[in-house]
Protein backbone atom coordinates (compact mmCIF):
# COMPACT_ATOMS: atom_id res chain seq x y z
CA MET A 1 70.06 -15.76 82.93
CA ARG A 2 66.46 -16.37 81.96
CA TYR A 3 65.91 -18.06 78.60
CA SER A 4 64.87 -15.81 75.75
CA ARG A 5 64.11 -17.04 72.24
CA GLN A 6 65.29 -13.71 70.84
CA ARG A 7 68.60 -13.88 72.74
CA GLU A 8 69.16 -17.46 71.65
CA LEU A 9 68.59 -16.53 67.99
CA ILE A 10 70.94 -13.54 68.28
CA PHE A 11 73.62 -15.72 69.88
CA GLU A 12 73.27 -18.50 67.30
CA THR A 13 73.33 -16.00 64.44
CA LEU A 14 76.49 -14.42 65.85
CA LYS A 15 78.16 -17.83 66.14
CA ASN A 16 77.44 -18.43 62.44
CA PHE A 17 79.17 -15.23 61.31
CA GLU A 18 82.69 -15.75 60.00
CA THR A 19 83.46 -12.11 60.74
CA HIS A 20 82.86 -9.94 63.78
CA PRO A 21 79.59 -8.18 62.92
CA THR A 22 78.16 -4.94 64.22
CA ALA A 23 74.79 -4.93 65.99
CA GLU A 24 73.25 -3.57 62.80
CA GLN A 25 74.66 -6.42 60.71
CA LEU A 26 73.35 -8.95 63.24
CA TYR A 27 69.96 -7.22 63.24
CA ILE A 28 69.67 -7.60 59.45
CA GLN A 29 70.39 -11.34 59.71
CA VAL A 30 68.17 -11.99 62.73
CA LYS A 31 65.28 -10.01 61.20
CA GLN A 32 65.15 -12.52 58.32
CA GLU A 33 64.14 -15.23 60.77
CA MET A 34 62.31 -13.07 63.30
CA PRO A 35 60.77 -10.11 61.38
CA GLN A 36 59.20 -8.51 64.47
CA ILE A 37 62.51 -8.02 66.32
CA SER A 38 63.74 -4.46 66.82
CA LEU A 39 67.27 -3.09 66.67
CA GLY A 40 66.91 -2.02 70.31
CA THR A 41 66.14 -5.62 71.30
CA VAL A 42 69.28 -6.79 69.49
CA TYR A 43 71.39 -4.20 71.33
CA ARG A 44 69.87 -5.05 74.73
CA ASN A 45 70.44 -8.77 74.25
CA LEU A 46 74.00 -8.26 73.01
CA ASN A 47 74.74 -6.25 76.16
CA ILE A 48 73.28 -9.04 78.32
CA LEU A 49 75.38 -11.66 76.51
CA VAL A 50 78.50 -9.52 77.01
CA GLU A 51 77.71 -9.02 80.73
CA LYS A 52 77.25 -12.78 81.19
CA GLY A 53 80.54 -13.54 79.40
CA LYS A 54 78.89 -15.48 76.58
CA ILE A 55 80.26 -13.14 73.88
CA ARG A 56 82.89 -10.41 73.63
CA LYS A 57 82.61 -6.81 72.53
CA VAL A 58 85.39 -5.72 70.16
CA ASP A 59 85.96 -2.01 69.68
CA SER A 60 87.10 -1.53 66.11
CA LEU A 61 89.21 1.45 67.24
CA GLU A 62 89.13 3.33 63.96
CA SER A 63 85.38 3.84 63.92
CA SER A 64 82.54 4.18 66.36
CA SER A 65 81.22 0.75 65.38
CA VAL A 66 81.40 -1.89 68.06
CA ARG A 67 81.71 -5.44 66.77
CA TYR A 68 80.76 -8.66 68.52
CA ASP A 69 82.60 -11.95 68.84
CA ALA A 70 80.96 -15.26 69.73
CA ARG A 71 84.30 -16.68 70.91
CA SER A 72 84.37 -16.14 74.66
CA ASP A 73 87.75 -17.81 75.16
CA GLU A 74 90.81 -15.62 75.58
CA HIS A 75 92.23 -14.58 72.22
CA SER A 76 93.42 -11.44 70.46
CA HIS A 77 92.34 -9.58 67.35
CA LEU A 78 93.79 -8.23 64.14
CA VAL A 79 91.99 -5.04 63.07
CA CYS A 80 92.32 -3.59 59.58
CA THR A 81 92.61 0.18 59.93
CA LYS A 82 91.25 0.73 56.44
CA CYS A 83 88.14 -1.47 56.12
CA GLY A 84 87.54 -2.30 59.81
CA THR A 85 87.69 -6.08 59.37
CA VAL A 86 88.41 -7.91 62.64
CA LYS A 87 90.02 -11.36 62.68
CA ASP A 88 90.79 -13.70 65.56
CA LEU A 89 94.37 -14.37 66.59
CA ASP A 90 95.11 -17.31 68.87
CA LEU A 91 97.32 -16.67 71.88
CA SER A 92 99.89 -19.30 70.92
CA TYR A 93 101.73 -16.51 69.06
CA PHE A 94 102.36 -14.77 72.39
CA TYR A 95 103.62 -17.69 74.48
CA SER A 96 107.26 -16.90 73.71
CA VAL A 97 106.67 -13.26 74.74
CA ASP A 98 105.05 -14.43 77.99
CA LYS A 99 108.05 -16.65 78.67
CA LEU A 100 110.48 -13.82 77.92
CA LEU A 101 108.63 -11.46 80.28
CA LYS A 102 108.82 -14.08 83.05
CA GLU A 103 112.54 -14.66 82.53
CA LYS A 104 113.59 -11.03 82.05
CA PHE A 105 111.24 -9.20 84.43
CA ASP A 106 109.88 -11.97 86.67
CA PHE A 107 106.44 -10.95 85.39
CA THR A 108 103.72 -13.55 84.97
CA VAL A 109 101.16 -12.73 82.29
CA THR A 110 97.69 -13.77 83.46
CA GLU A 111 95.56 -12.20 80.75
CA HIS A 112 95.93 -10.91 77.21
CA ASN A 113 93.94 -8.04 75.75
CA ILE A 114 95.82 -7.39 72.55
CA VAL A 115 94.59 -5.70 69.39
CA LEU A 116 97.03 -5.50 66.51
CA LYS A 117 96.25 -2.84 63.91
CA GLY A 118 97.31 -2.89 60.28
CA LEU A 119 96.02 -3.68 56.81
CA CYS A 120 94.21 -6.87 55.80
CA SER A 121 95.30 -8.65 52.62
CA ASP A 122 92.55 -7.05 50.51
CA CYS A 123 93.40 -3.51 51.66
CA SER A 124 97.13 -4.16 51.26
CA LEU A 125 96.52 -4.89 47.58
CA THR A 126 94.80 -1.54 47.05
CA GLU A 127 97.64 0.31 48.82
CA LYS A 128 100.24 -0.79 46.25
């Protein structure tokens, strides 16, 4: 992949997000440092980074908004069905399930692609 200052800035900005932003949210942040950048350029570079395995695309399921994740290691996500917040979930929670599947079905899990849907703590408070 050829070096691009714009792509590097988009990637670094994404890594600094504590949440999983949309392309539009990233664009707003990147534009502060690089005012001439276009939303189309942000989308194109995000697609390149996804293709190269540098970042992950996270469909938020409940909306048409795609979110992006700078963590390229294997992990799962918790998605709030009310506000759309996406949080990382380490795979250590699934090791006992993997072991059970091996013992019971002689099935070896080689990859996880798990999205758990529910309500985040803030949305749970408003539901009560």
